[in-house]
Each structure stands twice: as structure tokens, then as C-alpha cells.
Amino acid sequence: MIIEALLAYAHFAAILTVVVFMTSRAALCRMDWLNAAVVLRLRRVDRIFQWAMVFLLATGLARMAWGAKGFAWYASQPLMLAKIALFGAIWLISLKATRSFTRWARDHGAHGSLPAGRDVDAARRWVMIEAHLLLLLPLAAVFVARGVGLGA
């Protein structure tokens, strides 16, 4: 039981870390607030966000492998594949903004330039899409945890 509790705690901590740093990315990615310090901060915040996504995936897989319900139970859940696919889609979408943040930091370092307003708006749009999709993950999670879709 202690292992299950620690796995759940680690997974919840990863979820909260992802949410905090996704929110930070959205808050910082505004043309009105963008300056040299924010460009560099966005890159750092994005790196932490990407590592949080790795941690979230790792803790989720650990719960599947070593949690009380076991891998076979999760693998039998029809919505589990949808949940994993949604997570993957969110992560792939996040890479659009990551590329922008990296390019902005590189351009700022090389030329001292700031991104154009349309580039900032485009990156923010991708961050907001991933943030809104993230809202669907807990819905899928509670359905999976309760066996919804198994006819039970």
C-alpha cells in the first residue's frame, strides 16, 4: 500500500509541476510583456516544463507497472490508449512552442533581437491549445480509474 501511495504522490506532483510550468509559459508568452529577460526566462521555464512532461510520463508508467491495479488492468482499459494518445498529442503540440522559445533565445543571443508579435501570438496559441487539451486528461483518468468503458 505504501508503494501505491508513493507512486500516486509522485504522479500528482508531476501533474502539478506540468500545470504550473505550462501556465508560466502561457503567462510569459505575451508581446506586451516580452523583453530580453522574458525571452531567456521562457526558455528556462520551457526546459523545466519539458522535464516535467518526462517525469509525468515516467510516473504514469510506474503506476501502471508497479501500482496496485497492475499493468494488465490498465492495458485492458479502452480509454487508457486514448489517454496516452492525448498526452502524446499535447507533448507534440508543446514542441511547436519549444522550437519558438529556443529560436527566440538563440536569435536574442546572436543579434539582441526580440521576436515579432505574430511569432509570439502563434507560440502562445500553441501553448493555449495544449493547455485546453490538458483539461481532458483528468476526465480520461477518472474514467480509466473507474473502469468506464469496460461494461462494468
Foldseek 3Di string as FASTA:
>chain_A
DVQQVVLVVQLVVLVVQLLVLLVVLLVLLAPVNDALVSLVVNLVSLVSNLVSLVSNVVSVVCCQPPNPCHVVLLVPQPLSVVLVVLSVVLSVLLVLLNVLSVVQNVCCVVPVDGDDRVSSVVSSVSSVVSVVSVVCNVVSVVCSVVRPPVPD
